[in-house]
C-alpha cells in the first residue's frame, strides 16, 4: 500500500477482516486491528530513510498452529526501539502496546528493509 496516512484505516480493516474470516477467538480481530495500526503508523512515520522518496508498505498475515502472525514491511533498515513516553506525551507508546498485547513481537531485516511483526494466540 502507498505510504500515505489515509491508508492506515485500510490496513486496520484488512487485518481485522482476515482475523474475523479466519474465526479467531473473541477479541482477536480488535487486538490485531489495534496492533497493525500502531505498526503501520510507525512505518509511515519512520519507515523510509529518504522521506523525499517514500516507499510502499506491505502487510502479510499468516497462521501457524494457534498463532496468527502479522508482518508490516517497510524500506528502512533502522531497527525499531521502544521509547519511554512521559505522561503527557501524545506519542511514543506504540511498541509498548504491541509488546503488552501480543504473544510475541520483533523485527527482521531483509534485502528490501525490515519487517516488524507480532503474533497473537488466535485459536487456543
Protein backbone atom coordinates (compact mmCIF):
# COMPACT_ATOMS: atom_id res chain seq x y z
CA UNK A 1 0.00 0.00 0.00
CA UNK A 2 1.24 3.52 -0.63
CA UNK A 3 2.88 5.19 2.35
CA UNK A 4 0.05 7.65 2.97
CA UNK A 5 -1.65 8.38 6.30
CA UNK A 6 -5.13 7.74 4.89
CA UNK A 7 -4.16 4.10 4.28
CA UNK A 8 -3.84 3.27 7.99
CA UNK A 9 -7.62 2.70 8.09
CA UNK A 10 -7.33 0.29 5.14
CA UNK A 11 -4.62 -1.66 6.95
CA UNK A 12 -6.78 -1.91 10.07
CA UNK A 13 -9.77 -3.17 8.05
CA UNK A 14 -7.61 -5.64 6.12
CA UNK A 15 -6.22 -7.32 9.24
CA UNK A 16 -9.48 -7.18 11.22
CA UNK A 17 -11.40 -8.74 8.32
CA UNK A 18 -8.87 -11.56 7.90
CA UNK A 19 -8.96 -12.31 11.63
CA UNK A 20 -12.77 -12.38 11.55
CA UNK A 21 -12.87 -14.51 8.36
CA UNK A 22 -10.47 -16.99 9.98
CA UNK A 23 -12.78 -17.32 13.02
CA UNK A 24 -10.19 -16.23 15.54
CA UNK A 25 -11.02 -16.16 19.24
CA UNK A 26 -13.14 -13.41 20.72
CA UNK A 27 -11.34 -10.08 20.83
CA UNK A 28 -8.52 -11.09 18.47
CA UNK A 29 -9.81 -9.11 15.44
CA UNK A 30 -9.90 -5.92 17.52
CA UNK A 31 -6.46 -6.52 19.07
CA UNK A 32 -4.95 -7.32 15.65
CA UNK A 33 -6.55 -4.16 14.27
CA UNK A 34 -5.05 -2.01 17.05
CA UNK A 35 -1.59 -3.53 16.78
CA UNK A 36 -1.36 -3.29 12.99
CA UNK A 37 -2.47 0.33 13.29
CA UNK A 38 0.48 1.00 15.60
CA UNK A 39 2.98 -0.72 13.29
CA UNK A 40 1.69 0.86 10.09
CA UNK A 41 1.68 4.30 11.73
CA UNK A 42 5.32 3.73 12.76
CA UNK A 43 6.21 2.55 9.25
CA UNK A 44 4.68 5.70 7.81
CA UNK A 45 6.46 7.94 10.29
CA UNK A 46 9.86 6.24 10.36
CA UNK A 47 9.84 3.59 7.62
CA UNK A 48 11.73 5.31 4.84
CA UNK A 49 15.29 6.50 5.11
CA UNK A 50 14.56 9.05 2.38
CA UNK A 51 11.30 10.92 3.08
CA UNK A 52 11.53 12.69 -0.28
CA UNK A 53 11.09 9.29 -1.99
CA UNK A 54 8.52 7.45 0.13
CA UNK A 55 8.18 3.74 -0.41
CA UNK A 56 5.27 1.39 -0.11
CA UNK A 57 4.37 -0.60 2.97
CA UNK A 58 3.44 -4.27 2.74
CA UNK A 59 1.37 -6.26 5.23
CA UNK A 60 1.17 -10.02 5.44
CA UNK A 61 -0.98 -12.16 7.71
CA UNK A 62 -0.20 -15.79 8.39
CA UNK A 63 -1.27 -18.66 10.57
CA UNK A 64 0.80 -21.40 12.15
CA UNK A 65 -0.89 -23.70 14.65
CA UNK A 66 -2.57 -21.44 17.23
CA UNK A 67 -0.66 -18.27 16.25
CA UNK A 68 -1.70 -15.50 13.89
CA UNK A 69 1.33 -13.52 12.68
CA UNK A 70 1.12 -10.06 11.14
CA UNK A 71 4.19 -8.54 9.42
CA UNK A 72 4.48 -4.89 8.39
CA UNK A 73 7.28 -4.34 5.86
CA UNK A 74 8.96 -1.01 5.03
CA UNK A 75 12.14 0.06 3.25
CA UNK A 76 14.09 1.41 6.24
CA UNK A 77 16.74 -0.74 7.90
CA UNK A 78 16.69 1.25 11.14
CA UNK A 79 15.85 -1.10 13.99
CA UNK A 80 12.68 -0.15 15.89
CA UNK A 81 13.15 0.76 19.52
CA UNK A 82 10.75 1.33 22.35
CA UNK A 83 10.56 4.77 23.82
CA UNK A 84 9.62 5.72 27.33
CA UNK A 85 6.78 8.20 26.90
CA UNK A 86 6.12 10.79 29.57
CA UNK A 87 2.63 11.07 30.99
CA UNK A 88 1.61 13.98 28.74
CA UNK A 89 3.34 12.79 25.55
CA UNK A 90 0.99 12.19 22.63
CA UNK A 91 3.22 9.55 21.01
CA UNK A 92 5.86 7.00 21.91
CA UNK A 93 3.68 4.19 23.25
CA UNK A 94 3.08 2.12 20.11
CA UNK A 95 5.69 -0.60 20.56
CA UNK A 96 4.85 -0.87 24.27
CA UNK A 97 1.23 -1.52 23.30
CA UNK A 98 2.36 -4.14 20.78
CA UNK A 99 4.55 -5.82 23.41
CA UNK A 100 1.81 -5.79 26.06
CA UNK A 101 -0.99 -7.17 23.87
CA UNK A 102 0.86 -9.68 21.67
CA UNK A 103 2.19 -13.14 22.45
CA UNK A 104 5.45 -12.17 20.82
CA UNK A 105 6.80 -9.39 18.59
CA UNK A 106 10.02 -8.44 16.91
CA UNK A 107 11.69 -7.26 13.74
CA UNK A 108 13.56 -8.89 10.87
CA UNK A 109 15.94 -7.25 8.43
CA UNK A 110 15.60 -8.29 4.79
CA UNK A 111 17.00 -7.32 1.40
CA UNK A 112 14.44 -4.52 1.00
CA UNK A 113 14.41 -3.06 4.52
CA UNK A 114 12.73 -4.66 7.50
CA UNK A 115 9.54 -6.13 8.83
CA UNK A 116 8.12 -5.53 12.27
CA UNK A 117 5.80 -8.34 13.32
CA UNK A 118 3.58 -9.53 16.12
CA UNK A 119 1.92 -12.81 16.99
CA UNK A 120 -1.40 -13.41 18.73
CA UNK A 121 -2.74 -16.65 20.17
CA UNK A 122 -5.80 -16.66 17.96
CA UNK A 123 -7.05 -20.23 18.27
CA UNK A 124 -6.44 -21.51 21.82
